[in-house]
C-alpha cells in the first residue's frame, strides 16, 4: 500500500538529454486544477506568496546525507537513484526534485485563479565536460490564494537518463519566472554498474508500478524528501529491485545516522522474471526520530545499497538530527521526559519515542498526537510573529509565552515612539489571573520578560506541565 501524500499537488518532469542525442520532455498538469488553456494574460499585479514562516534550515542536514538541498528564499530538496537497464554498459539515473508553491510568484487571472511560471535545468558533468543536460519551462495553476502560500513540498519534478557507470556532478537549477529568483544546487553522484547481480538504490516513492523485466522503463515517482511524520504515518514505502541471484534473501538494516543498527528484518521481493522488485513498507515506529539509514544486503554478497530517510514532526517543521528534534520539544514536555529521550541508547530510541507519545497524548486512540500537532502549529506561528534579529521567534521570550500559554486576551502597549528605549508590552491572561510584562530595553525590538514576570510565567509553565 502506498502512503498518500496530501502535499503532492502536481507532478512535472524534466528530461536529461545526452549530448549526442535528444528526446522530448513531458509535463503533467497540476492535479485537481483545470487543464491548461488559453485565456487572458496574468494581471499586472503579481501575488507574492510569503516565505516559509519556520526559520529552521534542514538543508545542511540533507546535503550531509548526500542529497540536493537549499534553504530560503527558494528551498529545494532532491535526490538521485539508480537502477539497472537492459545493458550493463548503461544505468538508469532517476532524479527527483521537490519545492514549495510559496517559492513561486503567482499572478491573479481574470477568473480568480492564480498562475506561476518557472523553469528548470539539469546538467550532468564529468571532469567539467557536459555529458547530459536539459531545460524545461512549466507553470502551476491553483484555485485559491491559500494554495499559493503552501510551504510543504508540493511540486515534484523527475526524469530518467541512461548513462555509462562512473562519477558525475549533477547540477539542478530552478528559476521563478515571476521574480527572477533562482536556486541552484550540485552534488556528486557515483553511477554504479549492474552486470549480473546487485541491488538498485532504495527509493522512497510516492507511487510505483514494479517492472517485470530490465527491458521495461521504471514506472515510479520518487518522494525526494523521503520523510514521514511521527505519530501520523505508520509506514514509509520504499521501492527496491534485486538483480542476478534472486534466490538469496534480502535483509533490511535500519541504522541511526551514526551507524548503530536499530532494527533488521528479512524483506520479501516478488519474483518478476529476471529480477525481484517490490515495495518494502518500512514501519515508521522502527525508525524513531530524525535521520535513519536504510541499508539492504543479500546474504553472502557484498552488494549493500542504502539511502537516508527522515522522521519529523510535520510539513512545517523541517527534519533534523535526533538531538535537535528532541530540542524542538523544550516547551512541550517536562524536562525529565525530554531527558529520557536524550539518554536513550541509539538502538532504543524508537521505543523511547513511542513511550513518550503514550505519556503525552491525551487521545491515544486517534492516529495522530493532537497535543503535538497543536504545539508545532504554535511554534510555526511564533516563528512568523516574534522573530528578533538572529533569534528564531519560537525561542524569543514572547514566542515561548505564546507557545506555552496561547494567545493573550489583551495586549497593552503604552504609546511610545518606535525604537524608543524601555518600551513595554503587557499581556493579559484573564482566566489565569496573570499579567506578563515585556520590555524593550534597547529599542531594537528585543523584548524580554521583566524579572517578576519571568517568575510568574515559570510558575504557570511548571503547573501546566504537571
Protein backbone atom coordinates (compact mmCIF):
# COMPACT_ATOMS: atom_id res chain seq x y z
CA UNK A 1 0.00 0.00 0.00
CA UNK A 2 1.33 3.42 -0.87
CA UNK A 3 1.34 6.24 1.63
CA UNK A 4 -0.85 9.08 0.47
CA UNK A 5 0.83 12.46 0.38
CA UNK A 6 -1.50 15.45 0.65
CA UNK A 7 1.38 17.74 -0.29
CA UNK A 8 1.54 16.22 -3.75
CA UNK A 9 -0.30 18.85 -5.78
CA UNK A 10 1.43 18.42 -9.09
CA UNK A 11 3.88 16.27 -10.94
CA UNK A 12 6.16 17.68 -13.58
CA UNK A 13 9.17 16.21 -15.28
CA UNK A 14 12.38 17.22 -16.93
CA UNK A 15 14.43 15.20 -19.37
CA UNK A 16 18.18 14.82 -19.15
CA UNK A 17 19.36 14.84 -22.75
CA UNK A 18 22.60 13.03 -23.61
CA UNK A 19 24.88 15.33 -25.55
CA UNK A 20 24.78 13.11 -28.63
CA UNK A 21 21.02 12.78 -28.94
CA UNK A 22 17.76 14.25 -27.71
CA UNK A 23 14.26 13.24 -26.73
CA UNK A 24 11.13 15.13 -25.82
CA UNK A 25 10.12 16.07 -22.32
CA UNK A 26 6.74 15.65 -20.66
CA UNK A 27 4.82 17.78 -18.19
CA UNK A 28 1.72 16.77 -16.29
CA UNK A 29 -0.77 19.48 -15.23
CA UNK A 30 -1.34 20.11 -11.53
CA UNK A 31 -3.66 17.52 -10.04
CA UNK A 32 -7.13 18.83 -9.33
CA UNK A 33 -6.66 22.02 -11.37
CA UNK A 34 -8.27 22.86 -14.70
CA UNK A 35 -6.29 21.74 -17.76
CA UNK A 36 -4.01 24.33 -19.39
CA UNK A 37 -5.86 26.54 -21.79
CA UNK A 38 -5.60 29.87 -23.49
CA UNK A 39 -7.05 32.94 -21.89
CA UNK A 40 -6.31 36.38 -20.59
CA UNK A 41 -2.76 37.20 -19.63
CA UNK A 42 -1.98 37.41 -15.93
CA UNK A 43 -2.80 40.69 -14.30
CA UNK A 44 0.00 43.17 -13.89
CA UNK A 45 -0.16 42.92 -10.12
CA UNK A 46 1.61 39.73 -9.12
CA UNK A 47 0.69 37.98 -5.89
CA UNK A 48 3.82 37.08 -3.91
CA UNK A 49 3.47 34.11 -1.60
CA UNK A 50 5.03 34.53 1.83
CA UNK A 51 8.20 32.61 2.57
CA UNK A 52 8.11 29.71 4.98
CA UNK A 53 7.46 31.02 8.48
CA UNK A 54 9.59 28.44 10.19
CA UNK A 55 13.22 29.50 10.47
CA UNK A 56 14.84 26.10 10.96
CA UNK A 57 17.02 25.20 7.99
CA UNK A 58 17.35 21.49 7.28
CA UNK A 59 19.33 21.90 4.05
CA UNK A 60 22.77 21.29 5.64
CA UNK A 61 21.46 18.01 7.04
CA UNK A 62 20.09 16.89 3.67
CA UNK A 63 23.38 17.78 1.95
CA UNK A 64 25.28 15.86 4.60
CA UNK A 65 23.16 12.84 3.68
CA UNK A 66 24.17 13.11 0.02
CA UNK A 67 21.11 14.94 -1.30
CA UNK A 68 20.40 18.14 -3.19
CA UNK A 69 19.16 20.78 -0.77
CA UNK A 70 18.85 24.54 -0.47
CA UNK A 71 17.14 26.71 2.14
CA UNK A 72 15.36 30.04 1.97
CA UNK A 73 14.50 32.04 -0.04
CA UNK A 74 13.99 29.23 -2.58
CA UNK A 75 14.05 25.87 -0.74
CA UNK A 76 14.52 22.71 -2.78
CA UNK A 77 15.14 19.06 -1.90
CA UNK A 78 16.30 16.43 -4.35
CA UNK A 79 17.85 13.02 -4.63
CA UNK A 80 19.23 10.69 -7.29
CA UNK A 81 18.58 6.95 -7.52
CA UNK A 82 19.99 4.22 -9.74
CA UNK A 83 18.52 1.09 -11.32
CA UNK A 84 19.75 -1.50 -13.84
CA UNK A 85 18.96 -1.09 -17.52
CA UNK A 86 18.85 -3.78 -20.20
CA UNK A 87 22.56 -3.22 -20.88
CA UNK A 88 25.38 -3.50 -18.30
CA UNK A 89 27.09 -0.60 -20.08
CA UNK A 90 24.40 1.88 -19.04
CA UNK A 91 22.49 2.57 -15.83
CA UNK A 92 19.18 4.33 -15.28
CA UNK A 93 19.71 7.55 -13.30
CA UNK A 94 16.45 8.79 -11.76
CA UNK A 95 16.44 12.36 -10.44
CA UNK A 96 13.64 13.81 -8.30
CA UNK A 97 13.37 17.39 -7.05
CA UNK A 98 10.65 18.94 -4.91
CA UNK A 99 9.88 22.52 -3.90
CA UNK A 100 7.01 24.50 -2.45
CA UNK A 101 4.28 26.61 -4.02
CA UNK A 102 5.34 29.51 -1.78
CA UNK A 103 8.68 29.68 -3.60
CA UNK A 104 6.91 30.93 -6.72
CA UNK A 105 5.39 34.27 -7.67
CA UNK A 106 1.72 33.88 -8.58
CA UNK A 107 -0.38 36.26 -10.65
CA UNK A 108 -4.16 36.52 -10.34
CA UNK A 109 -6.04 35.83 -13.53
CA UNK A 110 -9.41 37.11 -14.72
CA UNK A 111 -11.21 34.01 -13.44
CA UNK A 112 -9.59 34.48 -9.99
CA UNK A 113 -7.26 31.56 -10.42
CA UNK A 114 -3.55 32.03 -9.74
CA UNK A 115 -0.76 31.11 -12.14
CA UNK A 116 3.01 30.83 -11.61
CA UNK A 117 5.65 30.11 -14.23
CA UNK A 118 9.02 28.54 -13.62
CA UNK A 119 11.87 26.89 -15.48
CA UNK A 120 14.21 24.08 -14.61
CA UNK A 121 17.53 22.86 -15.94
CA UNK A 122 19.61 19.85 -15.06
CA UNK A 123 23.19 19.09 -16.06
CA UNK A 124 25.38 16.02 -15.63
CA UNK A 125 29.09 16.75 -16.00
CA UNK A 126 32.24 14.70 -15.80
CA UNK A 127 35.61 16.46 -15.44
CA UNK A 128 33.92 19.77 -16.35
CA UNK A 129 32.53 18.34 -19.61
CA UNK A 130 28.76 18.28 -20.08
CA UNK A 131 27.55 14.71 -20.58
CA UNK A 132 23.81 15.36 -20.37
CA UNK A 133 21.62 18.45 -19.97
CA UNK A 134 18.04 19.61 -20.22
CA UNK A 135 15.95 22.76 -19.93
CA UNK A 136 12.19 22.91 -19.45
CA UNK A 137 9.57 25.52 -18.66
CA UNK A 138 6.30 24.86 -16.90
CA UNK A 139 3.58 26.50 -14.86
CA UNK A 140 1.38 25.88 -11.86
CA UNK A 141 -2.27 26.95 -11.70
CA UNK A 142 -4.13 26.87 -8.37
CA UNK A 143 -7.67 27.81 -7.49
CA UNK A 144 -7.17 29.82 -4.29
CA UNK A 145 -4.70 32.28 -2.82
CA UNK A 146 -4.25 29.95 0.13
CA UNK A 147 -2.73 27.33 -2.16
CA UNK A 148 -0.12 29.83 -3.38
CA UNK A 149 1.21 30.08 0.17
CA UNK A 150 1.76 26.38 0.78
CA UNK A 151 5.17 25.76 2.30
CA UNK A 152 5.17 21.97 2.15
CA UNK A 153 6.97 20.28 -0.72
CA UNK A 154 4.13 20.33 -3.22
CA UNK A 155 5.82 20.11 -6.65
CA UNK A 156 7.83 17.09 -7.80
CA UNK A 157 9.99 17.09 -10.92
CA UNK A 158 11.51 13.86 -12.10
CA UNK A 159 13.15 12.26 -15.09
CA UNK A 160 15.45 9.42 -16.01
CA UNK A 161 18.53 9.22 -18.21
CA UNK A 162 20.75 6.30 -19.21
CA UNK A 163 24.46 6.99 -18.77
CA UNK A 164 27.61 4.92 -18.53
CA UNK A 165 28.65 3.96 -15.00
CA UNK A 166 31.09 6.37 -13.41
CA UNK A 167 31.44 9.56 -11.40
CA UNK A 168 29.49 12.69 -12.30
CA UNK A 169 28.36 16.00 -10.90
CA UNK A 170 24.63 16.66 -11.02
CA UNK A 171 23.53 20.31 -11.03
CA UNK A 172 19.88 21.36 -10.88
CA UNK A 173 18.73 24.95 -11.36
CA UNK A 174 15.19 26.19 -10.67
CA UNK A 175 14.03 29.69 -11.63
CA UNK A 176 10.85 31.52 -10.67
CA UNK A 177 9.95 33.41 -13.84
CA UNK A 178 7.75 35.90 -11.98
CA UNK A 179 10.52 37.27 -9.77
CA UNK A 180 13.69 36.09 -11.48
CA UNK A 181 14.86 34.39 -8.31
CA UNK A 182 16.57 31.06 -8.74
CA UNK A 183 18.06 28.19 -6.78
CA UNK A 184 21.00 26.11 -7.94
CA UNK A 185 22.49 23.11 -6.19
CA UNK A 186 25.06 20.49 -7.18
CA UNK A 187 26.09 17.14 -5.78
CA UNK A 188 28.46 14.36 -6.82
CA UNK A 189 26.89 11.10 -7.97
CA UNK A 190 28.54 7.72 -8.49
CA UNK A 191 26.57 5.77 -11.07
CA UNK A 192 27.03 2.02 -10.36
CA UNK A 193 27.47 -0.78 -12.89
CA UNK A 194 24.88 -3.56 -12.80
CA UNK A 195 26.19 -6.67 -14.56
CA UNK A 196 24.55 -9.91 -13.43
CA UNK A 197 23.92 -9.03 -9.80
CA UNK A 198 23.21 -6.16 -7.49
CA UNK A 199 20.53 -4.10 -5.79
CA UNK A 200 19.02 -0.87 -7.02
CA UNK A 201 19.07 2.23 -4.87
CA UNK A 202 16.29 2.01 -2.24
CA UNK A 203 13.82 4.65 -3.43
CA UNK A 204 11.27 6.39 -1.19
CA UNK A 205 8.32 6.69 -3.53
CA UNK A 206 5.03 8.49 -3.96
CA UNK A 207 3.78 5.88 -6.42
CA UNK A 208 5.17 2.94 -8.40
CA UNK A 209 4.31 0.07 -10.73
CA UNK A 210 7.10 -2.51 -10.25
CA UNK A 211 8.58 -3.58 -13.56
CA UNK A 212 8.83 -7.19 -14.67
CA UNK A 213 12.00 -7.03 -16.79
CA UNK A 214 15.13 -4.94 -17.26
CA UNK A 215 13.89 -4.02 -20.72
CA UNK A 216 10.98 -2.11 -19.19
CA UNK A 217 11.39 1.52 -18.15
CA UNK A 218 10.96 2.05 -14.37
CA UNK A 219 7.46 3.43 -13.78
CA UNK A 220 7.67 5.29 -10.48
CA UNK A 221 7.57 8.70 -8.85
CA UNK A 222 10.26 9.39 -6.29
CA UNK A 223 9.46 11.04 -2.99
CA UNK A 224 12.61 13.22 -2.94
CA UNK A 225 12.20 14.26 0.69
CA UNK A 226 11.81 10.66 1.91
CA UNK A 227 10.12 11.79 5.12
CA UNK A 228 7.40 10.51 7.42
CA UNK A 229 5.57 12.30 10.21
CA UNK A 230 5.93 10.96 13.74
CA UNK A 231 2.58 9.96 15.19
CA UNK A 232 0.79 10.21 11.85
CA UNK A 233 2.43 7.85 9.35
CA UNK A 234 2.74 4.18 10.16
CA UNK A 235 4.62 3.04 7.04
CA UNK A 236 7.24 4.56 4.74
CA UNK A 237 7.13 2.90 1.27
CA UNK A 238 10.49 2.20 -0.36
CA UNK A 239 10.89 0.60 -3.80
CA UNK A 240 13.75 -1.87 -4.37
CA UNK A 241 14.94 -4.12 -7.18
CA UNK A 242 17.27 -7.14 -6.89
CA UNK A 243 19.17 -8.50 -9.91
CA UNK A 244 21.04 -11.70 -10.64
CA UNK A 245 20.89 -14.33 -7.90
CA UNK A 246 17.31 -13.58 -6.90
CA UNK A 247 17.02 -16.66 -4.69
CA UNK A 248 19.15 -15.10 -1.96
CA UNK A 249 17.08 -13.36 0.75
CA UNK A 250 17.31 -9.59 1.12
CA UNK A 251 17.75 -8.16 4.57
CA UNK A 252 16.91 -4.62 5.71
CA UNK A 253 19.03 -2.95 8.39
CA UNK A 254 17.71 0.28 9.92
CA UNK A 255 20.60 2.34 11.27
CA UNK A 256 20.94 5.68 13.01
CA UNK A 257 22.89 8.44 11.31
CA UNK A 258 25.94 7.21 13.28
CA UNK A 259 25.58 3.66 12.01
CA UNK A 260 24.05 1.91 15.04
CA UNK A 261 21.62 -0.83 13.95
CA UNK A 262 18.19 -0.20 15.48
CA UNK A 263 16.28 -2.98 13.69
CA UNK A 264 16.75 -5.60 11.00
CA UNK A 265 14.46 -8.00 9.19
CA UNK A 266 14.22 -10.06 6.02
CA UNK A 267 12.09 -8.46 3.32
CA UNK A 268 10.14 -10.19 0.57
CA UNK A 269 10.59 -9.01 -3.02
CA UNK A 270 8.25 -10.75 -5.50
CA UNK A 271 9.96 -12.57 -8.37
CA UNK A 272 9.37 -10.83 -11.70
CA UNK A 273 11.21 -12.69 -14.44
CA UNK A 274 14.93 -11.98 -14.25
CA UNK A 275 14.60 -9.68 -11.25
CA UNK A 276 12.80 -9.27 -7.98
CA UNK A 277 11.06 -5.97 -7.39
CA UNK A 278 8.57 -4.56 -4.94
CA UNK A 279 7.66 -2.04 -2.28
CA UNK A 280 9.16 -2.50 1.17
CA UNK A 281 6.86 -0.91 3.75
CA UNK A 282 9.20 0.24 6.50
CA UNK A 283 7.46 0.65 9.88
CA UNK A 284 7.93 4.26 10.99
CA UNK A 285 7.91 3.04 14.60
CA UNK A 286 11.21 1.27 13.84
CA UNK A 287 12.84 4.48 12.61
CA UNK A 288 12.47 6.76 15.59
CA UNK A 289 13.07 10.50 15.19
CA UNK A 290 15.40 12.33 12.85
CA UNK A 291 17.69 10.60 10.36
CA UNK A 292 17.73 6.88 9.62
CA UNK A 293 19.75 4.91 7.10
CA UNK A 294 18.02 2.06 5.29
CA UNK A 295 20.63 -0.49 4.19
CA UNK A 296 19.71 -3.55 2.14
CA UNK A 297 22.04 -6.56 1.81
CA UNK A 298 21.84 -10.07 0.35
CA UNK A 299 23.25 -12.91 2.38
CA UNK A 300 26.70 -13.89 1.20
CA UNK A 301 27.05 -10.99 -1.24
CA UNK A 302 28.73 -7.61 -0.91
CA UNK A 303 26.08 -5.68 -2.84
CA UNK A 304 24.93 -3.46 0.00
CA UNK A 305 22.84 -0.47 -1.03
CA UNK A 306 21.42 2.25 1.17
CA UNK A 307 19.54 5.52 1.38
CA UNK A 308 18.56 8.01 4.06
CA UNK A 309 15.03 8.71 5.25
CA UNK A 310 13.72 11.14 7.81
CA UNK A 311 11.06 11.22 10.52
CA UNK A 312 9.87 14.67 11.55
CA UNK A 313 7.01 16.46 13.28
CA UNK A 314 5.16 17.63 10.17
CA UNK A 315 5.45 19.55 6.93
CA UNK A 316 6.01 22.91 8.62
CA UNK A 317 8.86 21.77 10.89
CA UNK A 318 11.94 20.59 9.00
CA UNK A 319 13.62 17.37 9.99
CA UNK A 320 16.84 17.43 11.97
CA UNK A 321 19.11 15.12 13.91
CA UNK A 322 17.63 13.19 16.81
CA UNK A 323 19.12 15.55 19.38
CA UNK A 324 17.76 18.60 17.57
CA UNK A 325 14.33 17.01 17.23
CA UNK A 326 14.21 16.49 20.98
CA UNK A 327 15.32 20.09 21.49
CA UNK A 328 12.27 21.28 19.50
CA UNK A 329 10.12 19.93 22.35
CA UNK A 330 11.52 22.16 25.07
CA UNK A 331 8.20 23.97 25.65
CA UNK A 332 6.09 20.84 25.18
CA UNK A 333 7.06 18.39 27.91
CA UNK A 334 8.67 18.10 31.32
CA UNK A 335 12.44 18.18 31.50
CA UNK A 336 12.63 14.65 32.91
CA UNK A 337 10.64 13.22 29.98
CA UNK A 338 12.87 15.01 27.49
CA UNK A 339 15.95 13.78 29.32
CA UNK A 340 14.74 10.20 28.93
CA UNK A 341 14.64 10.74 25.19
CA UNK A 342 18.15 12.20 25.21
CA UNK A 343 19.55 9.41 27.38
CA UNK A 344 18.01 6.56 25.39
CA UNK A 345 20.68 4.39 23.70
CA UNK A 346 20.59 4.75 19.93
CA UNK A 347 19.15 1.27 19.38
CA UNK A 348 16.32 2.02 21.85
CA UNK A 349 15.29 5.44 20.54
CA UNK A 350 12.20 4.25 18.63
CA UNK A 351 10.87 2.57 21.79
CA UNK A 352 11.67 5.66 23.87
CA UNK A 353 9.79 7.86 21.40
CA UNK A 354 6.77 5.52 21.43
CA UNK A 355 6.71 5.70 25.23
CA UNK A 356 6.97 9.49 25.10
CA UNK A 357 3.96 9.69 22.76
CA UNK A 358 1.90 7.47 25.05
CA UNK A 359 2.76 9.67 28.03
CA UNK A 360 1.92 12.99 26.34
CA UNK A 361 -1.07 12.12 24.12
CA UNK A 362 -4.41 12.59 25.87
CA UNK A 363 -6.22 10.84 22.98
CA UNK A 364 -4.12 7.76 22.19
CA UNK A 365 -6.99 6.15 20.31
CA UNK A 366 -6.55 8.62 17.41
CA UNK A 367 -3.87 8.06 14.73
CA UNK A 368 -2.10 11.38 15.43
CA UNK A 369 -0.98 13.20 18.55
CA UNK A 370 -3.29 16.21 18.79
CA UNK A 371 -1.22 17.93 21.54
CA UNK A 372 1.94 17.59 19.46
CA UNK A 373 0.22 18.90 16.34
CA UNK A 374 -1.18 21.91 18.22
CA UNK A 375 2.20 22.58 19.81
CA UNK A 376 4.00 22.76 16.49
CA UNK A 377 1.28 24.88 14.90
CA UNK A 378 2.04 27.40 17.66
CA UNK A 379 5.78 27.05 17.02
CA UNK A 380 5.22 27.92 13.36
CA UNK A 381 3.02 30.92 14.21
CA UNK A 382 5.52 32.13 16.84
CA UNK A 383 8.33 31.99 14.29
CA UNK A 384 6.33 34.15 11.94
CA UNK A 385 5.33 36.74 14.56
CA UNK A 386 8.12 37.07 17.10
CA UNK A 387 11.44 36.72 15.30
CA UNK A 388 14.13 39.02 16.75
CA UNK A 389 17.28 39.64 14.75
CA UNK A 390 19.09 36.27 14.72
CA UNK A 391 16.76 34.70 17.31
CA UNK A 392 14.01 32.44 15.92
CA UNK A 393 10.55 33.51 17.06
CA UNK A 394 9.90 30.28 18.95
CA UNK A 395 12.99 30.89 21.13
CA UNK A 396 12.17 34.51 21.97
CA UNK A 397 10.51 35.40 25.27
CA UNK A 398 7.26 36.35 23.56
CA UNK A 399 7.41 33.20 21.45
CA UNK A 400 7.79 30.80 24.36
CA UNK A 401 5.00 32.52 26.29
CA UNK A 402 2.72 32.32 23.26
CA UNK A 403 3.55 28.65 22.66
CA UNK A 404 3.02 27.74 26.31
CA UNK A 405 0.01 29.89 27.25
CA UNK A 406 -1.55 30.70 23.89
CA UNK A 407 -2.93 34.00 22.65
CA UNK A 408 -3.35 36.61 25.40
CA UNK A 409 -6.80 38.07 25.97
CA UNK A 410 -5.40 41.56 25.64
CA UNK A 411 -2.10 43.20 24.70
CA UNK A 412 -1.48 46.70 26.05
CA UNK A 413 1.45 48.74 24.78
CA UNK A 414 1.88 52.32 26.04
CA UNK A 415 2.22 54.74 23.18
CA UNK A 416 5.89 55.48 22.66
CA UNK A 417 7.80 56.19 19.50
CA UNK A 418 9.09 53.20 17.61
CA UNK A 419 12.60 52.18 18.63
CA UNK A 420 12.27 54.03 21.92
CA UNK A 421 14.14 52.54 24.85
CA UNK A 422 12.22 50.82 27.66
CA UNK A 423 9.03 50.27 25.66
CA UNK A 424 6.66 47.85 27.35
CA UNK A 425 4.04 45.31 26.34
CA UNK A 426 1.57 43.88 28.84
CA UNK A 427 -0.01 40.51 28.02
CA UNK A 428 -3.18 39.82 29.98
CA UNK A 429 -4.42 36.24 30.57
CA UNK A 430 -7.67 36.77 32.44
CA UNK A 431 -8.65 33.14 33.05
CA UNK A 432 -5.27 32.60 34.73
CA UNK A 433 -5.37 35.92 36.55
CA UNK A 434 -1.96 36.55 35.02
CA UNK A 435 -0.30 39.64 33.61
CA UNK A 436 3.12 39.42 31.99
CA UNK A 437 5.24 42.46 31.16
CA UNK A 438 7.80 42.53 28.35
CA UNK A 439 10.25 45.39 27.91
CA UNK A 440 12.41 46.52 25.00
CA UNK A 441 15.42 47.91 26.81
CA UNK A 442 17.45 48.84 23.71
CA UNK A 443 14.64 49.96 21.42
CA UNK A 444 15.71 47.40 18.79
CA UNK A 445 12.71 45.10 19.17
CA UNK A 446 14.34 42.62 21.55
CA UNK A 447 11.51 42.01 24.00
CA UNK A 448 12.34 40.44 27.37
CA UNK A 449 10.18 39.43 30.30
CA UNK A 450 10.70 41.50 33.41
CA UNK A 451 12.18 39.58 36.31
CA UNK A 452 8.91 39.37 38.22
CA UNK A 453 7.01 38.31 35.07
CA UNK A 454 9.62 35.63 34.42
CA UNK A 455 8.95 34.17 37.86
CA UNK A 456 5.16 34.20 37.31
CA UNK A 457 5.50 32.65 33.86
CA UNK A 458 7.81 29.87 35.05
CA UNK A 459 5.36 29.03 37.81
CA UNK A 460 2.47 28.77 35.35
CA UNK A 461 4.64 26.82 32.90
CA UNK A 462 5.57 24.21 35.56
CA UNK A 463 1.93 23.97 36.67
CA UNK A 464 0.81 23.21 33.12
CA UNK A 465 3.48 20.57 32.60
CA UNK A 466 2.35 18.82 35.76
